[in-house]
């Protein structure tokens, strides 16, 4: 069962529907296998796929990204907010769900916007879909080994993987080749959940391999403040999208 994140105010589907048109499509039988579409869909608009955070846990769902989805739809973008199963010890379940969800979209150009652990998933999925032209990570998790070592998210890495991160190098962005899509990171200077140092480390490692990643550091911004609307994050995100 999911619940509202204690840091974010509740924001239901009904709340979102008061602001913009929202439709749902199921891509599987599980209650978490669903896509929410925001705004008046148009082939002339860019399509943004928002991948929510929550350190891969099923305790929290896409609710904390609905305000962002609404704000982006009001800014004249097609927005898709997927839900997916988060099962402790079964990372393949999460990746299969998201892969299938993305495969149902016929758009020729997609931008993945991933927040926190959602940024990690975006980095893993990007190269599987030629339509993904850009990845924007909002305080993304980029280093599973160090995140496990630091026990981030109360040992969220080992809980999701079901084993030591060293046994899953294919799921660690730090140990994978750079993705081909344009990559932009936005990270709060005061992030207390996903250390900015790890993002700098990833950007530096990818640069050694010939991949330039744009990183904008938001002054005096914490991890959860990144989801506030309006915010510095939203302004930086609009700039990154364009």
C-alpha atoms as a PDB file:
ATOM      1  CA  UNK A   1       0.000   0.000   0.000  1.00  0.00           C
ATOM      2  CA  UNK A   2       1.198   3.502  -0.779  1.00  0.00           C
ATOM      3  CA  UNK A   3       0.675   6.679   1.183  1.00  0.00           C
ATOM      4  CA  UNK A   4       1.417  10.364   0.929  1.00  0.00           C
ATOM      5  CA  UNK A   5       5.038  11.198   1.529  1.00  0.00           C
ATOM      6  CA  UNK A   6       5.276  12.898   4.947  1.00  0.00           C
ATOM      7  CA  UNK A   7       7.300  15.750   3.468  1.00  0.00           C
ATOM      8  CA  UNK A   8       4.868  16.519   0.652  1.00  0.00           C
ATOM      9  CA  UNK A   9       1.210  17.508   1.011  1.00  0.00           C
ATOM     10  CA  UNK A  10      -1.345  15.037  -0.370  1.00  0.00           C
ATOM     11  CA  UNK A  11      -2.145  15.612  -4.039  1.00  0.00           C
ATOM     12  CA  UNK A  12      -4.641  13.190  -5.481  1.00  0.00           C
ATOM     13  CA  UNK A  13      -5.582  12.461  -9.059  1.00  0.00           C
ATOM     14  CA  UNK A  14      -8.815  14.363  -8.430  1.00  0.00           C
ATOM     15  CA  UNK A  15      -6.785  17.388  -7.310  1.00  0.00           C
ATOM     16  CA  UNK A  16      -4.796  17.251 -10.533  1.00  0.00           C
ATOM     17  CA  UNK A  17      -7.935  16.920 -12.642  1.00  0.00           C
ATOM     18  CA  UNK A  18      -9.185  20.210 -11.248  1.00  0.00           C
ATOM     19  CA  UNK A  19      -6.170  21.890 -12.858  1.00  0.00           C
ATOM     20  CA  UNK A  20      -5.625  20.145 -16.211  1.00  0.00           C
ATOM     21  CA  UNK A  21      -7.102  17.248 -18.207  1.00  0.00           C
ATOM     22  CA  UNK A  22      -5.759  13.932 -16.892  1.00  0.00           C
ATOM     23  CA  UNK A  23      -6.391  10.480 -18.346  1.00  0.00           C
ATOM     24  CA  UNK A  24      -5.253   7.019 -17.274  1.00  0.00           C
ATOM     25  CA  UNK A  25      -4.206   3.959 -19.223  1.00  0.00           C
ATOM     26  CA  UNK A  26      -3.353   0.630 -17.628  1.00  0.00           C
ATOM     27  CA  UNK A  27      -0.504  -1.363 -19.115  1.00  0.00           C
ATOM     28  CA  UNK A  28      -0.908  -4.412 -16.863  1.00  0.00           C
ATOM     29  CA  UNK A  29      -3.175  -6.038 -14.318  1.00  0.00           C
ATOM     30  CA  UNK A  30      -1.455  -4.760 -11.180  1.00  0.00           C
ATOM     31  CA  UNK A  31      -2.792  -1.537  -9.651  1.00  0.00           C
ATOM     32  CA  UNK A  32       0.673   0.002 -10.029  1.00  0.00           C
ATOM     33  CA  UNK A  33       0.861  -0.688 -13.756  1.00  0.00           C
ATOM     34  CA  UNK A  34      -0.713   2.548 -14.912  1.00  0.00           C
ATOM     35  CA  UNK A  35       0.174   5.675 -16.899  1.00  0.00           C
ATOM     36  CA  UNK A  36      -1.255   9.109 -16.128  1.00  0.00           C
ATOM     37  CA  UNK A  37      -1.390  11.529 -19.080  1.00  0.00           C
ATOM     38  CA  UNK A  38      -1.522  15.262 -18.332  1.00  0.00           C
ATOM     39  CA  UNK A  39      -2.697  18.048 -20.603  1.00  0.00           C
ATOM     40  CA  UNK A  40      -4.162  18.128 -24.088  1.00  0.00           C
ATOM     41  CA  UNK A  41      -1.989  15.634 -25.935  1.00  0.00           C
ATOM     42  CA  UNK A  42      -0.584  17.029 -29.167  1.00  0.00           C
ATOM     43  CA  UNK A  43       2.048  15.629 -31.565  1.00  0.00           C
ATOM     44  CA  UNK A  44       3.424  19.153 -31.901  1.00  0.00           C
ATOM     45  CA  UNK A  45       4.455  19.303 -28.245  1.00  0.00           C
ATOM     46  CA  UNK A  46       7.446  17.732 -26.502  1.00  0.00           C
ATOM     47  CA  UNK A  47       6.622  14.668 -24.402  1.00  0.00           C
ATOM     48  CA  UNK A  48       8.061  14.442 -20.901  1.00  0.00           C
ATOM     49  CA  UNK A  49       8.146  11.199 -18.932  1.00  0.00           C
ATOM     50  CA  UNK A  50       8.331  11.856 -15.182  1.00  0.00           C
ATOM     51  CA  UNK A  51       9.829   9.003 -13.154  1.00  0.00           C
ATOM     52  CA  UNK A  52       9.167   9.442  -9.457  1.00  0.00           C
ATOM     53  CA  UNK A  53      11.478   8.858  -6.534  1.00  0.00           C
ATOM     54  CA  UNK A  54      11.037   7.146  -3.182  1.00  0.00           C
ATOM     55  CA  UNK A  55      14.232   5.064  -3.103  1.00  0.00           C
ATOM     56  CA  UNK A  56      12.555   2.247  -5.088  1.00  0.00           C
ATOM     57  CA  UNK A  57      10.168   1.498  -2.211  1.00  0.00           C
ATOM     58  CA  UNK A  58       6.463   0.677  -2.592  1.00  0.00           C
ATOM     59  CA  UNK A  59       5.638   2.828   0.432  1.00  0.00           C
ATOM     60  CA  UNK A  60       5.477   5.981  -1.682  1.00  0.00           C
ATOM     61  CA  UNK A  61       4.184   6.402  -5.205  1.00  0.00           C
ATOM     62  CA  UNK A  62       3.820   8.972  -8.002  1.00  0.00           C
ATOM     63  CA  UNK A  63       1.725  11.359  -5.913  1.00  0.00           C
ATOM     64  CA  UNK A  64       4.656  13.621  -5.056  1.00  0.00           C
ATOM     65  CA  UNK A  65       5.284  14.313  -8.754  1.00  0.00           C
ATOM     66  CA  UNK A  66       1.700  15.192  -9.681  1.00  0.00           C
ATOM     67  CA  UNK A  67       2.109  18.924  -8.908  1.00  0.00           C
ATOM     68  CA  UNK A  68       5.118  18.981 -11.242  1.00  0.00           C
ATOM     69  CA  UNK A  69       3.153  17.114 -13.920  1.00  0.00           C
ATOM     70  CA  UNK A  70       0.350  19.663 -13.676  1.00  0.00           C
ATOM     71  CA  UNK A  71       2.748  22.620 -13.838  1.00  0.00           C
ATOM     72  CA  UNK A  72       4.481  21.194 -16.905  1.00  0.00           C
ATOM     73  CA  UNK A  73       1.167  20.491 -18.620  1.00  0.00           C
ATOM     74  CA  UNK A  74       0.185  24.108 -17.995  1.00  0.00           C
ATOM     75  CA  UNK A  75       3.484  25.080 -19.628  1.00  0.00           C
ATOM     76  CA  UNK A  76       2.273  23.393 -22.809  1.00  0.00           C
ATOM     77  CA  UNK A  77       4.045  20.025 -22.647  1.00  0.00           C
ATOM     78  CA  UNK A  78       2.696  16.513 -23.038  1.00  0.00           C
ATOM     79  CA  UNK A  79       3.368  14.858 -19.691  1.00  0.00           C
ATOM     80  CA  UNK A  80       3.269  11.169 -18.811  1.00  0.00           C
ATOM     81  CA  UNK A  81       3.576  10.039 -15.192  1.00  0.00           C
ATOM     82  CA  UNK A  82       4.083   6.275 -15.003  1.00  0.00           C
ATOM     83  CA  UNK A  83       3.567   4.107 -11.978  1.00  0.00           C
ATOM     84  CA  UNK A  84       5.456   0.853 -11.659  1.00  0.00           C
ATOM     85  CA  UNK A  85       5.912  -1.926  -9.158  1.00  0.00           C
ATOM     86  CA  UNK A  86       8.577  -1.481  -6.501  1.00  0.00           C
ATOM     87  CA  UNK A  87       9.389  -4.847  -4.956  1.00  0.00           C
ATOM     88  CA  UNK A  88      12.136  -5.310  -2.381  1.00  0.00           C
ATOM     89  CA  UNK A  89      14.728  -7.737  -3.692  1.00  0.00           C
ATOM     90  CA  UNK A  90      13.390  -7.652  -7.259  1.00  0.00           C
ATOM     91  CA  UNK A  91      14.878  -4.764  -9.250  1.00  0.00           C
ATOM     92  CA  UNK A  92      13.972  -6.519 -12.497  1.00  0.00           C
ATOM     93  CA  UNK A  93      10.283  -6.066 -11.683  1.00  0.00           C
ATOM     94  CA  UNK A  94      10.668  -2.302 -11.600  1.00  0.00           C
ATOM     95  CA  UNK A  95      12.744  -2.180 -14.770  1.00  0.00           C
ATOM     96  CA  UNK A  96      10.425  -4.514 -16.679  1.00  0.00           C
ATOM     97  CA  UNK A  97       7.406  -2.420 -15.776  1.00  0.00           C
ATOM     98  CA  UNK A  98       8.965   0.854 -16.799  1.00  0.00           C
ATOM     99  CA  UNK A  99      10.393  -0.634 -19.982  1.00  0.00           C
ATOM    100  CA  UNK A 100       7.007  -1.969 -20.999  1.00  0.00           C
ATOM    101  CA  UNK A 101       5.290   1.296 -20.083  1.00  0.00           C
ATOM    102  CA  UNK A 102       7.709   3.274 -22.257  1.00  0.00           C
ATOM    103  CA  UNK A 103       7.323   0.809 -25.118  1.00  0.00           C
ATOM    104  CA  UNK A 104       3.603   1.635 -25.294  1.00  0.00           C
ATOM    105  CA  UNK A 105       4.361   5.262 -26.222  1.00  0.00           C
ATOM    106  CA  UNK A 106       4.571   6.035 -29.916  1.00  0.00           C
ATOM    107  CA  UNK A 107       6.216   9.452 -29.558  1.00  0.00           C
ATOM    108  CA  UNK A 108       9.280   9.983 -31.732  1.00  0.00           C
ATOM    109  CA  UNK A 109      11.018  12.201 -29.178  1.00  0.00           C
ATOM    110  CA  UNK A 110      10.936  11.664 -25.430  1.00  0.00           C
ATOM    111  CA  UNK A 111      12.587  13.382 -22.489  1.00  0.00           C
ATOM    112  CA  UNK A 112      12.975  11.371 -19.288  1.00  0.00           C
ATOM    113  CA  UNK A 113      12.796  13.466 -16.123  1.00  0.00           C
ATOM    114  CA  UNK A 114      13.777  11.399 -13.087  1.00  0.00           C
ATOM    115  CA  UNK A 115      13.734  12.550  -9.489  1.00  0.00           C
ATOM    116  CA  UNK A 116      16.061  10.900  -6.967  1.00  0.00           C
ATOM    117  CA  UNK A 117      15.855   7.115  -7.527  1.00  0.00           C
ATOM    118  CA  UNK A 118      13.741   7.954 -10.569  1.00  0.00           C
ATOM    119  CA  UNK A 119      16.828   9.635 -12.000  1.00  0.00           C
ATOM    120  CA  UNK A 120      18.716   6.381 -11.509  1.00  0.00           C
ATOM    121  CA  UNK A 121      16.011   4.470 -13.392  1.00  0.00           C
ATOM    122  CA  UNK A 122      16.059   7.029 -16.209  1.00  0.00           C
ATOM    123  CA  UNK A 123      19.797   6.506 -16.662  1.00  0.00           C
ATOM    124  CA  UNK A 124      19.320   2.737 -16.863  1.00  0.00           C
ATOM    125  CA  UNK A 125      16.465   2.907 -19.355  1.00  0.00           C
ATOM    126  CA  UNK A 126      17.524   5.700 -21.702  1.00  0.00           C
ATOM    127  CA  UNK A 127      19.604   3.695 -24.163  1.00  0.00           C
ATOM    128  CA  UNK A 128      16.908   1.042 -24.550  1.00  0.00           C
ATOM    129  CA  UNK A 129      14.674   3.486 -26.418  1.00  0.00           C
ATOM    130  CA  UNK A 130      15.904   5.422 -29.471  1.00  0.00           C
ATOM    131  CA  UNK A 131      13.072   7.914 -28.908  1.00  0.00           C
ATOM    132  CA  UNK A 132      14.731   9.111 -25.694  1.00  0.00           C
ATOM    133  CA  UNK A 133      16.684  12.178 -26.775  1.00  0.00           C
ATOM    134  CA  UNK A 134      17.279  13.764 -23.375  1.00  0.00           C
ATOM    135  CA  UNK A 135      17.554  12.717 -19.724  1.00  0.00           C
ATOM    136  CA  UNK A 136      17.106  15.272 -16.962  1.00  0.00           C
ATOM    137  CA  UNK A 137      18.075  14.054 -13.510  1.00  0.00           C
ATOM    138  CA  UNK A 138      16.718  15.906 -10.499  1.00  0.00           C
ATOM    139  CA  UNK A 139      19.082  14.954  -7.668  1.00  0.00           C
ATOM    140  CA  UNK A 140      19.584  11.560  -9.337  1.00  0.00           C
ATOM    141  CA  UNK A 141      21.047   8.505  -7.649  1.00  0.00           C
ATOM    142  CA  UNK A 142      24.102   7.783  -9.802  1.00  0.00           C
ATOM    143  CA  UNK A 143      26.319   5.542  -7.662  1.00  0.00           C
ATOM    144  CA  UNK A 144      24.784   2.450  -6.058  1.00  0.00           C
ATOM    145  CA  UNK A 145      28.004   1.249  -4.425  1.00  0.00           C
ATOM    146  CA  UNK A 146      28.642   4.533  -2.602  1.00  0.00           C
ATOM    147  CA  UNK A 147      24.946   4.978  -1.809  1.00  0.00           C
ATOM    148  CA  UNK A 148      24.951   1.560  -0.166  1.00  0.00           C
ATOM    149  CA  UNK A 149      28.177   2.314   1.669  1.00  0.00           C
ATOM    150  CA  UNK A 150      26.651   5.530   3.036  1.00  0.00           C
ATOM    151  CA  UNK A 151      23.424   3.668   3.917  1.00  0.00           C
ATOM    152  CA  UNK A 152      21.381   6.276   2.074  1.00  0.00           C
ATOM    153  CA  UNK A 153      17.618   6.029   2.426  1.00  0.00           C
ATOM    154  CA  UNK A 154      18.057   3.718   5.420  1.00  0.00           C
ATOM    155  CA  UNK A 155      19.849   1.063   3.376  1.00  0.00           C
ATOM    156  CA  UNK A 156      17.511   1.482   0.411  1.00  0.00           C
ATOM    157  CA  UNK A 157      20.005   0.156  -2.141  1.00  0.00           C
ATOM    158  CA  UNK A 158      20.533  -3.261  -0.628  1.00  0.00           C
ATOM    159  CA  UNK A 159      16.817  -3.496   0.205  1.00  0.00           C
ATOM    160  CA  UNK A 160      15.829  -2.960  -3.447  1.00  0.00           C
ATOM    161  CA  UNK A 161      18.575  -5.105  -4.930  1.00  0.00           C
ATOM    162  CA  UNK A 162      18.220  -7.895  -2.397  1.00  0.00           C
ATOM    163  CA  UNK A 163      21.990  -8.280  -2.372  1.00  0.00           C
ATOM    164  CA  UNK A 164      25.198  -6.257  -2.331  1.00  0.00           C
ATOM    165  CA  UNK A 165      25.453  -3.580  -5.011  1.00  0.00           C
ATOM    166  CA  UNK A 166      28.740  -5.090  -6.175  1.00  0.00           C
ATOM    167  CA  UNK A 167      26.764  -8.107  -7.389  1.00  0.00           C
ATOM    168  CA  UNK A 168      24.672  -5.879  -9.671  1.00  0.00           C
ATOM    169  CA  UNK A 169      27.199  -3.736 -11.586  1.00  0.00           C
ATOM    170  CA  UNK A 170      24.809  -3.597 -14.572  1.00  0.00           C
ATOM    171  CA  UNK A 171      22.402  -1.565 -12.411  1.00  0.00           C
ATOM    172  CA  UNK A 172      25.000   0.946 -11.225  1.00  0.00           C
ATOM    173  CA  UNK A 173      25.232   4.005 -13.525  1.00  0.00           C
ATOM    174  CA  UNK A 174      28.719   4.720 -12.212  1.00  0.00           C
ATOM    175  CA  UNK A 175      29.917   1.379 -13.622  1.00  0.00           C
ATOM    176  CA  UNK A 176      28.075   1.637 -16.937  1.00  0.00           C
ATOM    177  CA  UNK A 177      29.123   3.446 -20.117  1.00  0.00           C
ATOM    178  CA  UNK A 178      27.724   6.944 -20.626  1.00  0.00           C
ATOM    179  CA  UNK A 179      24.249   7.073 -22.101  1.00  0.00           C
ATOM    180  CA  UNK A 180      23.897   8.452 -25.616  1.00  0.00           C
ATOM    181  CA  UNK A 181      21.059  10.904 -24.871  1.00  0.00           C
ATOM    182  CA  UNK A 182      21.798  14.489 -23.906  1.00  0.00           C
ATOM    183  CA  UNK A 183      22.095  14.519 -20.125  1.00  0.00           C
ATOM    184  CA  UNK A 184      21.375  17.359 -17.733  1.00  0.00           C
ATOM    185  CA  UNK A 185      21.448  17.200 -13.939  1.00  0.00           C
ATOM    186  CA  UNK A 186      19.872  19.631 -11.478  1.00  0.00           C
ATOM    187  CA  UNK A 187      20.854  19.170  -7.841  1.00  0.00           C
ATOM    188  CA  UNK A 188      20.298  21.089  -4.625  1.00  0.00           C
ATOM    189  CA  UNK A 189      23.339  22.446  -2.819  1.00  0.00           C
ATOM    190  CA  UNK A 190      21.925  21.335   0.554  1.00  0.00           C
ATOM    191  CA  UNK A 191      20.649  17.917  -0.507  1.00  0.00           C
ATOM    192  CA  UNK A 192      20.545  15.723   2.582  1.00  0.00           C
ATOM    193  CA  UNK A 193      19.264  12.537   0.897  1.00  0.00           C
ATOM    194  CA  UNK A 194      21.358  12.232  -2.266  1.00  0.00           C
ATOM    195  CA  UNK A 195      24.743  13.885  -1.634  1.00  0.00           C
ATOM    196  CA  UNK A 196      25.801  16.381  -4.268  1.00  0.00           C
ATOM    197  CA  UNK A 197      29.335  14.975  -4.073  1.00  0.00           C
ATOM    198  CA  UNK A 198      28.154  11.728  -5.657  1.00  0.00           C
ATOM    199  CA  UNK A 199      26.665  13.604  -8.578  1.00  0.00           C
ATOM    200  CA  UNK A 200      29.899  15.541  -9.088  1.00  0.00           C
ATOM    201  CA  UNK A 201      31.761  12.223  -9.004  1.00  0.00           C
ATOM    202  CA  UNK A 202      29.530  10.718 -11.689  1.00  0.00           C
ATOM    203  CA  UNK A 203      29.768  13.781 -13.912  1.00  0.00           C
ATOM    204  CA  UNK A 204      33.563  13.638 -13.605  1.00  0.00           C
ATOM    205  CA  UNK A 205      33.704   9.940 -14.419  1.00  0.00           C
ATOM    206  CA  UNK A 206      31.523  10.321 -17.488  1.00  0.00           C
ATOM    207  CA  UNK A 207      33.674  13.226 -18.661  1.00  0.00           C
ATOM    208  CA  UNK A 208      36.711  10.915 -18.571  1.00  0.00           C
ATOM    209  CA  UNK A 209      34.784   8.686 -20.957  1.00  0.00           C
ATOM    210  CA  UNK A 210      33.993  11.543 -23.317  1.00  0.00           C
ATOM    211  CA  UNK A 211      30.482  12.399 -22.102  1.00  0.00           C
ATOM    212  CA  UNK A 212      29.710  15.971 -21.119  1.00  0.00           C
ATOM    213  CA  UNK A 213      26.903  16.321 -18.577  1.00  0.00           C
ATOM    214  CA  UNK A 214      25.512  19.724 -17.690  1.00  0.00           C
ATOM    215  CA  UNK A 215      25.104  20.131 -13.926  1.00  0.00           C
ATOM    216  CA  UNK A 216      23.229  23.036 -12.365  1.00  0.00           C
ATOM    217  CA  UNK A 217      23.579  23.337  -8.599  1.00  0.00           C
ATOM    218  CA  UNK A 218      20.705  25.137  -6.907  1.00  0.00           C
ATOM    219  CA  UNK A 219      21.827  27.300  -3.996  1.00  0.00           C
ATOM    220  CA  UNK A 220      20.254  26.712  -0.587  1.00  0.00           C
ATOM    221  CA  UNK A 221      18.037  23.922  -1.906  1.00  0.00           C
ATOM    222  CA  UNK A 222      17.380  20.629  -0.101  1.00  0.00           C
ATOM    223  CA  UNK A 223      16.293  17.320  -1.595  1.00  0.00           C
ATOM    224  CA  UNK A 224      12.597  17.714  -0.891  1.00  0.00           C
ATOM    225  CA  UNK A 225      12.514  21.393  -1.838  1.00  0.00           C
ATOM    226  CA  UNK A 226      13.245  20.279  -5.378  1.00  0.00           C
ATOM    227  CA  UNK A 227       9.645  19.121  -5.736  1.00  0.00           C
ATOM    228  CA  UNK A 228       8.120  22.425  -4.657  1.00  0.00           C
ATOM    229  CA  UNK A 229       6.095  24.409  -7.197  1.00  0.00           C
ATOM    230  CA  UNK A 230       7.054  27.165  -7.877  1.00  0.00           C
ATOM    231  CA  UNK A 231      10.748  26.755  -7.124  1.00  0.00           C
ATOM    232  CA  UNK A 232      14.250  27.227  -8.470  1.00  0.00           C
ATOM    233  CA  UNK A 233      14.019  23.634  -9.643  1.00  0.00           C
ATOM    234  CA  UNK A 234      11.032  24.300 -11.848  1.00  0.00           C
ATOM    235  CA  UNK A 235      12.706  27.298 -13.458  1.00  0.00           C
ATOM    236  CA  UNK A 236      15.873  25.266 -14.070  1.00  0.00           C
ATOM    237  CA  UNK A 237      13.841  22.349 -15.396  1.00  0.00           C
ATOM    238  CA  UNK A 238      12.039  24.490 -17.975  1.00  0.00           C
ATOM    239  CA  UNK A 239      15.421  25.794 -19.127  1.00  0.00           C
ATOM    240  CA  UNK A 240      16.790  22.230 -19.353  1.00  0.00           C
ATOM    241  CA  UNK A 241      13.801  20.971 -21.334  1.00  0.00           C
ATOM    242  CA  UNK A 242      14.238  23.668 -23.929  1.00  0.00           C
END
